[in-house]
C-alpha cells in the first residue's frame, strides 16, 4: 500500500501548480548561478575527459524479452532504466589521454561482464542490441499496454515503479490525449502509456570540454557528425515480430533506425518530426545557451529537492535544474555538473552528451564508436576544420536521412578545403583522418588508434548492423518464412553473436 500511495502522491505533486511554480523559480535561480559560473571560468577544467553510458535489455534462454529481478541490481554492475527489462551500464569518466582511453575500454568490458554474471544467476542475459524484437511470453501488445489505475493515476505494469517515471508517464499521456501512437511501416501501435519508449536502447559517449568558451564549436561540430556516424552504426530496423502481419514490403520500407522514431513519437505528443521535446537541436552561439535552453524547455513532471545541497558537490546545489535537464531530450545536449575529471580544485564541468547512437553488438564495437566520436570532435576543432560552415538544415536532414536509410543515406559534409560534398568516400576519409588527429593530439600511438578504430572503420562498405538485420530477414522470407518468423530467426542469430569476442565487421 505504501508504494501505491507514494506513486499516486508523486504524480499529484508533479501536477500541483504551486509545486510547478516553485520548481520553475528554483530552475531559474540555479540557472543564473550556472551562467555566472560559466562566465567566471568555474566550469573550465584542466583536461578533456571521456565517458560512456550503455543501455541494454534482458532476455531469457530462448531470447525472449524478460523482466529483471530487483536482486540483479543489488548485486551491482548495472542500473535500472524505464522498463523492467531495461538496464544501463556506465563507465566513470577518465582523462582523455592514452591511459584514460585504455581505462575506458577496460571499464566498459568489466561492467558488461559484471552485468552478464549478475543476470546469469537468474538464467538471463543482457542483449547488446538497440531494439528488442522477440516478444515476451504473452505478446508485445499485452506487455506494452498493461496498466492499472490507482486513484486516477496510470501505472504501467512493466515500467519501473519509480515516482519519476510514473509522473513522466502521466504528464506525457495527458499531453497526448491519453494514448501514445506509433505509426511506422507495417505497424500502427497505440498504448495508454509511454512504455513503448523502452523498446529502444542506445550508447551515449561523453566528452568533457576544458574551455567552456570553445564549447559551442564542439557542440555545433557534433551536430554535423551525427548523420555520418549514425549511418555507420544504425542497428534498429524492426519492431517486435508480433507487431507485423506477413508483409515482406516492410523490409525495404522500415527505417534503419526505428529507435529514433519510437523515442520521438513516444514522447512528442504528435508533434511533427523535428519538433517537440525530442529533436535534433539547433546550433549554439554561447556556452550559456546550454543553460537557457533548459530553462526555456517545457517543464515535465517537476520534483522539488529537499534541503540546500552540499556546497562541495556542485550538482547537489542545482538539483531542480539537473532534473529538468534530464528531460531536456535532444539528440546532442550539454550536461553541467559533477566533479570535473583531471581537475583537483572543487568545481564542475561542461560536457557533450552524444545521444543519437544505438547500442552496438559487442563491447569492442562500442569502444570503437566511443573513440571515433571523441577523437573526431577533438580533431575537427584542433584543426579548425570548417565543418560548421555546413548549414544546420543540411546537418539535420542528413541525420534524419541516416535514421531512415542507414548506410545508404545521403550524407552532407564540408571538407577541410571548404568544399561541400555528399560523396561517402570523401566524407569517411575525413571522418577517420580527423578522428586520428584528435586521438594523436590526446597522446595515443598510431598503432593503438588503428586498433581502436578498425571495427567501425571496416563498416565503410555499408555493412552497418541494421543492413545485416534486413538482409537476414529478407533471406529468411525468400526461403519461405513469414515476416514475423524471419524477424525472430534473425534476432536469435544476432543474439548468438552479440556480446562475444568477434566484432560485427567479422560476422
Protein backbone atom coordinates (compact mmCIF):
# COMPACT_ATOMS: atom_id res chain seq x y z
CA UNK A 1 0.00 0.00 0.00
CA UNK A 2 2.94 2.30 0.73
CA UNK A 3 4.33 2.08 -2.80
CA UNK A 4 0.91 2.77 -4.30
CA UNK A 5 0.48 5.82 -2.07
CA UNK A 6 3.96 7.10 -2.96
CA UNK A 7 3.35 6.76 -6.69
CA UNK A 8 -0.02 8.49 -6.59
CA UNK A 9 1.34 11.22 -4.34
CA UNK A 10 4.30 11.79 -6.67
CA UNK A 11 2.03 12.33 -9.64
CA UNK A 12 -0.23 14.61 -7.62
CA UNK A 13 2.77 16.71 -6.51
CA UNK A 14 4.07 16.96 -10.06
CA UNK A 15 0.75 18.42 -11.24
CA UNK A 16 0.32 20.82 -8.29
CA UNK A 17 0.52 24.39 -9.69
CA UNK A 18 2.37 25.60 -6.59
CA UNK A 19 4.98 22.86 -6.93
CA UNK A 20 5.49 23.77 -10.58
CA UNK A 21 5.80 27.44 -9.79
CA UNK A 22 8.37 26.76 -7.07
CA UNK A 23 10.24 24.30 -9.28
CA UNK A 24 10.44 26.74 -12.19
CA UNK A 25 11.60 29.53 -9.88
CA UNK A 26 14.36 27.32 -8.48
CA UNK A 27 15.41 26.34 -12.00
CA UNK A 28 15.68 30.00 -12.98
CA UNK A 29 17.68 30.85 -9.86
CA UNK A 30 20.04 27.91 -10.31
CA UNK A 31 20.42 28.69 -13.99
CA UNK A 32 21.53 32.23 -13.18
CA UNK A 33 24.21 30.86 -10.85
CA UNK A 34 25.36 28.44 -13.55
CA UNK A 35 25.61 31.25 -16.12
CA UNK A 36 27.73 33.24 -13.67
CA UNK A 37 29.94 30.18 -13.13
CA UNK A 38 30.37 29.71 -16.89
CA UNK A 39 31.33 33.36 -17.36
CA UNK A 40 33.74 33.33 -14.41
CA UNK A 41 35.55 30.20 -15.63
CA UNK A 42 34.42 27.97 -12.77
CA UNK A 43 33.37 25.30 -15.28
CA UNK A 44 36.71 25.37 -17.09
CA UNK A 45 38.80 22.26 -16.42
CA UNK A 46 42.37 21.14 -16.89
CA UNK A 47 41.69 18.23 -19.20
CA UNK A 48 39.45 16.71 -21.81
CA UNK A 49 37.69 13.68 -20.35
CA UNK A 50 35.62 10.85 -21.79
CA UNK A 51 32.88 8.57 -20.50
CA UNK A 52 30.15 6.25 -21.71
CA UNK A 53 26.59 5.15 -20.99
CA UNK A 54 25.47 1.82 -22.46
CA UNK A 55 21.85 0.66 -22.41
CA UNK A 56 20.71 -2.91 -22.99
CA UNK A 57 17.76 -5.20 -22.30
CA UNK A 58 17.45 -8.64 -20.76
CA UNK A 59 16.45 -11.87 -22.49
CA UNK A 60 15.79 -15.38 -21.26
CA UNK A 61 17.42 -18.56 -22.54
CA UNK A 62 15.05 -18.54 -25.54
CA UNK A 63 15.97 -14.98 -26.49
CA UNK A 64 12.64 -13.58 -25.33
CA UNK A 65 12.35 -10.27 -23.54
CA UNK A 66 12.49 -10.82 -19.78
CA UNK A 67 11.86 -8.91 -16.56
CA UNK A 68 14.98 -8.23 -14.49
CA UNK A 69 14.53 -9.09 -10.80
CA UNK A 70 15.42 -6.39 -8.27
CA UNK A 71 18.17 -8.57 -6.78
CA UNK A 72 20.16 -8.27 -10.02
CA UNK A 73 20.65 -4.57 -9.38
CA UNK A 74 21.54 -5.24 -5.76
CA UNK A 75 24.49 -7.31 -6.99
CA UNK A 76 25.88 -4.27 -8.80
CA UNK A 77 27.25 -3.86 -12.29
CA UNK A 78 24.17 -2.27 -13.80
CA UNK A 79 21.45 0.27 -13.05
CA UNK A 80 17.71 0.45 -13.66
CA UNK A 81 16.02 2.12 -16.59
CA UNK A 82 12.43 2.81 -17.65
CA UNK A 83 11.25 -0.72 -18.41
CA UNK A 84 11.54 -3.67 -16.05
CA UNK A 85 13.54 -5.35 -18.82
CA UNK A 86 15.99 -2.44 -19.29
CA UNK A 87 19.43 -1.96 -17.76
CA UNK A 88 22.21 0.58 -18.06
CA UNK A 89 25.96 0.05 -17.72
CA UNK A 90 28.18 3.10 -17.26
CA UNK A 91 31.90 3.79 -17.31
CA UNK A 92 33.08 6.54 -14.99
CA UNK A 93 34.78 9.36 -16.87
CA UNK A 94 38.56 9.33 -17.35
CA UNK A 95 41.07 11.83 -18.69
CA UNK A 96 41.16 11.80 -22.50
CA UNK A 97 44.68 10.50 -22.95
CA UNK A 98 46.22 7.15 -23.82
CA UNK A 99 45.83 5.73 -20.32
CA UNK A 100 42.33 7.13 -19.89
CA UNK A 101 41.01 5.71 -23.16
CA UNK A 102 42.52 2.31 -22.33
CA UNK A 103 40.87 2.51 -18.91
CA UNK A 104 37.53 3.30 -20.59
CA UNK A 105 37.81 0.11 -22.64
CA UNK A 106 38.66 -1.92 -19.55
CA UNK A 107 35.83 -0.39 -17.50
CA UNK A 108 33.19 -0.94 -20.17
CA UNK A 109 34.29 -4.54 -20.59
CA UNK A 110 34.39 -5.16 -16.84
CA UNK A 111 31.00 -3.58 -16.23
CA UNK A 112 29.33 -5.50 -19.04
CA UNK A 113 30.92 -8.70 -17.70
CA UNK A 114 29.56 -7.91 -14.24
CA UNK A 115 26.08 -7.42 -15.70
CA UNK A 116 26.38 -10.73 -17.56
CA UNK A 117 27.29 -12.50 -14.32
CA UNK A 118 24.51 -10.85 -12.32
CA UNK A 119 21.89 -11.76 -14.92
CA UNK A 120 23.26 -15.28 -15.44
CA UNK A 121 22.36 -16.08 -11.85
CA UNK A 122 18.71 -15.60 -12.95
CA UNK A 123 19.11 -17.56 -16.22
CA UNK A 124 19.02 -14.26 -18.10
CA UNK A 125 21.47 -12.40 -20.30
CA UNK A 126 21.93 -8.78 -21.42
CA UNK A 127 21.25 -8.18 -25.11
CA UNK A 128 23.67 -5.68 -26.64
CA UNK A 129 21.06 -4.56 -29.11
CA UNK A 130 19.16 -1.38 -29.98
CA UNK A 131 15.58 -2.73 -30.04
CA UNK A 132 14.05 -5.93 -28.76
CA UNK A 133 12.17 -7.89 -31.40
CA UNK A 134 11.38 -11.25 -29.76
CA UNK A 135 8.33 -10.56 -27.58
CA UNK A 136 7.93 -11.77 -24.02
CA UNK A 137 5.56 -14.58 -23.22
CA UNK A 138 2.07 -13.12 -23.65
CA UNK A 139 3.00 -10.88 -26.56
CA UNK A 140 4.03 -7.30 -27.18
CA UNK A 141 0.60 -5.66 -27.03
CA UNK A 142 -0.21 -7.12 -23.63
CA UNK A 143 3.25 -6.28 -22.34
CA UNK A 144 3.41 -2.66 -23.53
CA UNK A 145 -0.28 -1.97 -22.96
CA UNK A 146 -0.74 -3.44 -19.50
CA UNK A 147 -1.72 -0.76 -17.00
CA UNK A 148 -3.68 -0.30 -13.82
CA UNK A 149 -5.38 2.80 -12.48
CA UNK A 150 -4.57 3.93 -8.95
CA UNK A 151 -6.79 6.78 -7.82
CA UNK A 152 -6.87 8.09 -11.38
CA UNK A 153 -3.11 7.65 -11.93
CA UNK A 154 -1.94 5.39 -14.76
CA UNK A 155 0.69 2.87 -13.65
CA UNK A 156 2.22 0.73 -16.40
CA UNK A 157 2.70 -2.82 -15.20
CA UNK A 158 6.09 -3.28 -16.88
CA UNK A 159 7.55 0.13 -16.09
CA UNK A 160 9.85 0.53 -13.11
CA UNK A 161 7.56 1.88 -10.41
CA UNK A 162 9.78 4.82 -9.64
CA UNK A 163 7.82 8.02 -8.90
CA UNK A 164 9.76 9.97 -11.56
CA UNK A 165 8.90 7.50 -14.32
CA UNK A 166 5.24 7.28 -13.34
CA UNK A 167 4.90 11.06 -13.11
CA UNK A 168 6.52 11.48 -16.53
CA UNK A 169 4.26 8.83 -18.00
CA UNK A 170 1.14 10.55 -16.75
CA UNK A 171 2.35 14.01 -17.85
CA UNK A 172 3.05 12.84 -21.40
CA UNK A 173 -0.19 10.88 -21.56
CA UNK A 174 -2.11 13.99 -20.56
CA UNK A 175 -0.44 15.97 -23.33
CA UNK A 176 -1.10 13.14 -25.83
CA UNK A 177 -4.80 12.72 -25.15
CA UNK A 178 -4.35 9.52 -23.16
CA UNK A 179 -2.78 7.40 -25.92
CA UNK A 180 0.69 7.02 -27.40
CA UNK A 181 0.53 6.06 -31.08
CA UNK A 182 3.39 4.71 -33.17
CA UNK A 183 2.67 4.63 -36.90
CA UNK A 184 5.60 3.12 -38.81
CA UNK A 185 5.90 0.96 -41.94
CA UNK A 186 3.95 -2.25 -41.41
CA UNK A 187 2.54 -1.43 -37.98
CA UNK A 188 0.36 1.02 -36.09
CA UNK A 189 0.54 0.65 -32.32
CA UNK A 190 -1.39 2.53 -29.66
CA UNK A 191 -0.93 2.27 -25.90
CA UNK A 192 -2.13 4.05 -22.75
CA UNK A 193 1.47 4.54 -21.54
CA UNK A 194 4.85 5.70 -22.87
CA UNK A 195 6.34 2.26 -22.18
CA UNK A 196 6.88 1.70 -25.93
CA UNK A 197 9.86 4.03 -25.48
CA UNK A 198 11.52 1.19 -23.58
CA UNK A 199 11.80 -0.75 -26.85
CA UNK A 200 14.86 1.32 -27.71
CA UNK A 201 18.37 1.33 -26.24
CA UNK A 202 21.42 3.43 -27.02
CA UNK A 203 25.05 4.18 -26.26
CA UNK A 204 25.98 7.71 -25.24
CA UNK A 205 29.62 8.83 -25.43
CA UNK A 206 30.51 11.86 -23.28
CA UNK A 207 33.24 14.44 -23.90
CA UNK A 208 34.24 16.96 -21.22
CA UNK A 209 35.40 20.24 -22.81
CA UNK A 210 38.15 22.04 -20.84
CA UNK A 211 37.50 25.56 -22.19
CA UNK A 212 33.82 26.40 -21.96
CA UNK A 213 34.26 29.28 -24.43
CA UNK A 214 35.05 26.62 -27.04
CA UNK A 215 32.00 24.53 -26.14
CA UNK A 216 29.73 25.88 -28.93
CA UNK A 217 32.31 24.91 -31.56
CA UNK A 218 32.41 21.31 -30.29
CA UNK A 219 28.64 21.16 -29.95
CA UNK A 220 27.97 22.50 -33.43
CA UNK A 221 30.55 20.13 -34.91
CA UNK A 222 28.87 17.24 -33.07
CA UNK A 223 25.59 18.03 -34.83
CA UNK A 224 27.28 17.80 -38.21
CA UNK A 225 28.92 14.46 -37.43
CA UNK A 226 25.70 12.80 -36.22
CA UNK A 227 24.43 11.75 -39.65
CA UNK A 228 27.63 10.13 -40.96
CA UNK A 229 28.33 8.33 -37.67
CA UNK A 230 24.73 7.13 -37.33
CA UNK A 231 24.95 5.74 -40.89
CA UNK A 232 27.89 3.57 -39.76
CA UNK A 233 26.19 2.37 -36.58
CA UNK A 234 22.44 2.01 -37.33
CA UNK A 235 21.04 -1.07 -35.59
CA UNK A 236 17.26 -0.99 -35.10
CA UNK A 237 15.19 -1.67 -38.24
CA UNK A 238 12.39 -3.80 -36.75
CA UNK A 239 9.71 -3.72 -34.08
CA UNK A 240 8.88 -6.89 -32.13
CA UNK A 241 7.95 -9.61 -34.59
CA UNK A 242 4.33 -9.97 -33.45
CA UNK A 243 3.65 -6.32 -34.34
CA UNK A 244 3.69 -7.24 -38.05
CA UNK A 245 1.47 -9.13 -40.44
CA UNK A 246 3.15 -11.22 -43.12
CA UNK A 247 4.08 -8.31 -45.40
CA UNK A 248 7.60 -8.54 -46.87
CA UNK A 249 7.34 -4.96 -48.18
CA UNK A 250 8.14 -3.92 -44.62
CA UNK A 251 11.77 -4.99 -45.09
CA UNK A 252 12.83 -2.26 -47.56
CA UNK A 253 10.39 0.31 -46.11
CA UNK A 254 11.25 0.18 -42.42
CA UNK A 255 13.78 2.77 -41.21
CA UNK A 256 17.25 1.55 -40.32
CA UNK A 257 16.99 3.45 -37.04
CA UNK A 258 13.42 2.82 -35.96
CA UNK A 259 14.67 3.56 -32.44
CA UNK A 260 14.71 7.29 -33.23
CA UNK A 261 11.11 7.20 -34.45
CA UNK A 262 9.97 5.23 -31.40
CA UNK A 263 11.52 7.64 -28.93
CA UNK A 264 10.32 10.78 -30.70
CA UNK A 265 6.79 9.50 -31.23
CA UNK A 266 6.50 8.14 -27.70
CA UNK A 267 7.36 11.48 -26.14
CA UNK A 268 6.43 14.23 -28.58
CA UNK A 269 2.63 14.10 -28.27
CA UNK A 270 2.02 14.03 -32.02
CA UNK A 271 4.38 16.91 -32.89
CA UNK A 272 5.87 16.79 -36.42
CA UNK A 273 9.34 15.33 -36.90
CA UNK A 274 11.94 17.80 -35.75
CA UNK A 275 9.65 19.41 -33.19
CA UNK A 276 8.63 18.54 -29.65
CA UNK A 277 10.72 17.57 -26.63
CA UNK A 278 12.81 15.00 -28.50
CA UNK A 279 14.56 16.51 -31.53
CA UNK A 280 17.72 17.44 -33.33
CA UNK A 281 18.92 20.61 -31.56
CA UNK A 282 19.92 23.90 -33.13
CA UNK A 283 23.40 25.42 -33.04
CA UNK A 284 24.83 27.19 -30.01
CA UNK A 285 26.24 30.72 -30.09
CA UNK A 286 27.48 30.83 -26.48
CA UNK A 287 28.09 28.25 -23.77
CA UNK A 288 25.36 29.86 -21.68
CA UNK A 289 22.87 28.89 -24.41
CA UNK A 290 23.03 25.38 -22.93
CA UNK A 291 21.53 26.77 -19.73
CA UNK A 292 18.98 28.99 -21.47
CA UNK A 293 17.59 26.06 -23.43
CA UNK A 294 16.92 24.00 -20.33
CA UNK A 295 15.17 26.94 -18.68
CA UNK A 296 13.06 27.63 -21.77
CA UNK A 297 12.12 23.98 -22.32
CA UNK A 298 8.67 22.87 -21.19
CA UNK A 299 8.57 21.59 -17.62
CA UNK A 300 7.61 17.93 -17.34
CA UNK A 301 6.94 16.12 -14.04
CA UNK A 302 8.76 18.54 -11.68
CA UNK A 303 10.27 17.31 -8.42
CA UNK A 304 11.38 19.58 -5.58
CA UNK A 305 14.62 18.71 -3.80
CA UNK A 306 14.85 18.63 -0.02
CA UNK A 307 17.48 20.78 1.64
CA UNK A 308 20.08 23.17 0.23
CA UNK A 309 22.54 20.55 -1.05
CA UNK A 310 26.23 20.11 -0.33
CA UNK A 311 28.30 23.14 -1.46
CA UNK A 312 31.22 20.79 -2.19
CA UNK A 313 29.03 18.77 -4.58
CA UNK A 314 28.08 21.09 -7.43
CA UNK A 315 25.23 19.02 -8.83
CA UNK A 316 23.57 18.75 -5.43
CA UNK A 317 23.17 22.56 -5.47
CA UNK A 318 21.38 22.60 -8.86
CA UNK A 319 19.02 19.66 -8.37
CA UNK A 320 15.93 21.22 -9.91
CA UNK A 321 17.91 22.42 -12.91
CA UNK A 322 19.52 18.97 -13.21
CA UNK A 323 16.13 17.27 -13.02
CA UNK A 324 14.79 19.46 -15.81
CA UNK A 325 17.93 18.90 -17.89
CA UNK A 326 17.27 15.16 -17.57
CA UNK A 327 14.04 15.56 -19.56
CA UNK A 328 15.51 18.08 -21.99
CA UNK A 329 15.65 15.39 -24.64
CA UNK A 330 17.86 16.37 -27.59
CA UNK A 331 19.98 14.06 -29.74
CA UNK A 332 23.01 16.06 -28.64
CA UNK A 333 22.94 18.02 -25.41
CA UNK A 334 25.15 19.81 -22.93
CA UNK A 335 25.45 18.48 -19.38
CA UNK A 336 26.60 20.61 -16.46
CA UNK A 337 27.78 19.41 -13.09
CA UNK A 338 29.75 16.68 -11.47
CA UNK A 339 33.32 16.69 -10.23
CA UNK A 340 35.45 17.60 -13.23
CA UNK A 341 37.86 14.89 -14.29
CA UNK A 342 41.51 15.85 -14.31
CA UNK A 343 40.96 18.89 -12.09
CA UNK A 344 41.98 18.95 -8.47
CA UNK A 345 40.06 22.03 -7.38
CA UNK A 346 36.40 21.76 -6.44
CA UNK A 347 34.12 22.76 -9.24
CA UNK A 348 32.10 21.41 -12.10
CA UNK A 349 32.38 20.67 -15.80
CA UNK A 350 30.58 21.13 -19.08
CA UNK A 351 30.40 18.12 -21.35
CA UNK A 352 28.76 16.98 -24.56
CA UNK A 353 26.38 14.04 -24.29
CA UNK A 354 26.26 12.44 -27.75
CA UNK A 355 22.92 10.64 -27.75
CA UNK A 356 21.89 9.56 -31.27
CA UNK A 357 23.72 6.22 -31.44
CA UNK A 358 22.17 2.77 -31.00
CA UNK A 359 23.61 0.11 -28.71
CA UNK A 360 26.30 -1.81 -30.61
CA UNK A 361 26.66 -5.60 -30.93
CA UNK A 362 29.86 -6.06 -28.89
CA UNK A 363 31.95 -4.28 -26.28
CA UNK A 364 34.76 -3.89 -28.81
CA UNK A 365 32.37 -2.23 -31.29
CA UNK A 366 31.11 0.04 -28.51
CA UNK A 367 34.61 1.19 -27.57
CA UNK A 368 35.41 1.73 -31.24
CA UNK A 369 32.41 4.02 -31.69
CA UNK A 370 33.16 5.91 -28.46
CA UNK A 371 36.76 6.52 -29.56
CA UNK A 372 35.62 7.59 -33.03
CA UNK A 373 33.19 10.17 -31.64
CA UNK A 374 35.53 11.79 -29.11
CA UNK A 375 38.54 11.64 -31.42
CA UNK A 376 36.62 13.18 -34.30
CA UNK A 377 35.23 16.08 -32.26
CA UNK A 378 38.63 16.89 -30.81
CA UNK A 379 40.38 16.51 -34.17
CA UNK A 380 37.94 18.77 -36.02
CA UNK A 381 38.26 21.61 -33.54
CA UNK A 382 42.03 21.22 -33.05
CA UNK A 383 42.41 21.56 -36.82
CA UNK A 384 39.99 24.48 -37.08
CA UNK A 385 38.10 22.41 -39.65
CA UNK A 386 35.33 24.33 -41.48
CA UNK A 387 32.68 21.63 -40.97
CA UNK A 388 30.47 24.06 -39.06
CA UNK A 389 30.10 26.01 -42.33
CA UNK A 390 27.70 23.23 -43.33
CA UNK A 391 24.22 24.74 -42.97
CA UNK A 392 22.36 23.48 -39.93
CA UNK A 393 19.40 22.39 -42.09
CA UNK A 394 21.73 20.17 -44.12
CA UNK A 395 23.07 18.57 -40.94
CA UNK A 396 19.56 17.95 -39.66
CA UNK A 397 18.38 16.49 -42.97
CA UNK A 398 21.48 14.28 -43.15
CA UNK A 399 20.76 12.97 -39.65
CA UNK A 400 17.16 12.05 -40.41
CA UNK A 401 18.13 10.52 -43.73
CA UNK A 402 20.57 8.30 -41.82
CA UNK A 403 17.69 7.42 -39.49
CA UNK A 404 15.64 6.30 -42.47
CA UNK A 405 18.27 4.79 -44.80
CA UNK A 406 21.23 3.89 -42.61
CA UNK A 407 24.38 3.23 -44.65
CA UNK A 408 22.59 4.28 -47.85
CA UNK A 409 21.81 7.77 -46.53
CA UNK A 410 22.50 10.95 -48.46
CA UNK A 411 25.32 12.44 -46.40
CA UNK A 412 26.34 16.09 -46.11
CA UNK A 413 29.78 17.47 -45.26
CA UNK A 414 32.17 20.35 -45.78
CA UNK A 415 35.74 19.25 -46.47
CA UNK A 416 38.91 20.66 -44.94
CA UNK A 417 39.25 22.72 -48.13
CA UNK A 418 35.84 24.29 -47.54
CA UNK A 419 34.07 22.39 -50.31
CA UNK A 420 30.55 21.00 -49.85
CA UNK A 421 30.35 17.26 -50.61
CA UNK A 422 27.92 14.37 -50.45
CA UNK A 423 30.45 11.72 -51.54
CA UNK A 424 30.64 9.00 -48.85
CA UNK A 425 34.26 8.09 -49.66
CA UNK A 426 35.43 11.68 -49.28
CA UNK A 427 33.37 12.15 -46.11
CA UNK A 428 34.61 9.00 -44.38
CA UNK A 429 38.19 9.68 -45.45
CA UNK A 430 37.92 12.92 -43.48
CA UNK A 431 35.92 11.42 -40.60
CA UNK A 432 38.63 8.87 -39.86
CA UNK A 433 41.53 11.17 -40.69
CA UNK A 434 40.39 13.82 -38.24
CA UNK A 435 39.44 11.24 -35.63
CA UNK A 436 43.05 10.03 -35.88
CA UNK A 437 44.29 13.58 -35.49
CA UNK A 438 42.22 14.08 -32.34
CA UNK A 439 43.42 10.82 -30.86
CA UNK A 440 47.04 11.62 -31.67
CA UNK A 441 46.57 15.01 -30.01
CA UNK A 442 45.45 13.07 -26.93
CA UNK A 443 48.78 11.21 -26.95
CA UNK A 444 47.61 7.89 -28.36
CA UNK A 445 50.03 5.99 -30.61
CA UNK A 446 49.11 5.39 -34.26
CA UNK A 447 49.01 1.59 -33.98
CA UNK A 448 46.75 1.80 -30.92
CA UNK A 449 44.49 4.28 -32.73
CA UNK A 450 44.20 1.86 -35.64
CA UNK A 451 43.21 -0.98 -33.32
CA UNK A 452 40.51 1.15 -31.70
CA UNK A 453 39.03 2.46 -34.95
CA UNK A 454 39.28 -0.71 -37.06
CA UNK A 455 35.95 -2.32 -36.01
CA UNK A 456 33.88 0.66 -37.09
CA UNK A 457 36.11 1.81 -39.96
CA UNK A 458 35.56 -1.55 -41.65
CA UNK A 459 31.85 -0.72 -41.94
CA UNK A 460 32.53 1.89 -44.62
CA UNK A 461 31.34 -0.57 -47.26
CA UNK A 462 27.77 -0.22 -45.96
CA UNK A 463 27.85 -3.12 -43.52
CA UNK A 464 26.02 -1.45 -40.64
CA UNK A 465 24.22 -3.80 -38.21
CA UNK A 466 20.81 -2.64 -39.49
CA UNK A 467 21.73 -3.69 -43.04
CA UNK A 468 22.85 -7.09 -41.70
CA UNK A 469 19.50 -7.49 -39.96
CA UNK A 470 17.49 -6.52 -43.04
CA UNK A 471 19.47 -8.90 -45.22
CA UNK A 472 18.94 -11.82 -42.82
CA UNK A 473 15.21 -11.18 -42.68
CA UNK A 474 14.99 -10.91 -46.47
CA UNK A 475 16.90 -14.19 -46.88
CA UNK A 476 14.58 -15.99 -44.45
CA UNK A 477 11.46 -14.65 -46.19
CA UNK A 478 12.85 -15.70 -49.56
CA UNK A 479 13.34 -19.18 -48.10
CA UNK A 480 9.63 -19.36 -47.17
CA UNK A 481 9.41 -17.88 -43.65
CA UNK A 482 6.71 -15.40 -42.74
CA UNK A 483 7.93 -11.91 -41.84
CA UNK A 484 7.41 -12.46 -38.08
CA UNK A 485 9.23 -15.81 -38.26
CA UNK A 486 12.06 -14.24 -40.22
CA UNK A 487 12.49 -11.44 -37.67
CA UNK A 488 12.68 -13.90 -34.78
CA UNK A 489 15.16 -16.10 -36.65
CA UNK A 490 17.35 -13.09 -37.41
CA UNK A 491 17.19 -11.91 -33.82
CA UNK A 492 18.25 -15.25 -32.39
CA UNK A 493 21.16 -15.33 -34.82
CA UNK A 494 22.09 -11.81 -33.71
CA UNK A 495 21.87 -12.71 -30.02
CA UNK A 496 24.06 -15.77 -30.56
CA UNK A 497 26.80 -13.47 -31.83
CA UNK A 498 26.23 -10.26 -29.83
CA UNK A 499 28.27 -9.72 -26.71
CA UNK A 500 31.03 -12.03 -27.92
CA UNK A 501 34.64 -11.51 -28.89
CA UNK A 502 34.00 -11.33 -32.65
CA UNK A 503 33.45 -7.74 -33.80
CA UNK A 504 30.47 -7.05 -36.00
CA UNK A 505 32.57 -6.49 -39.15
CA UNK A 506 33.62 -10.18 -38.98
CA UNK A 507 30.10 -11.61 -38.67
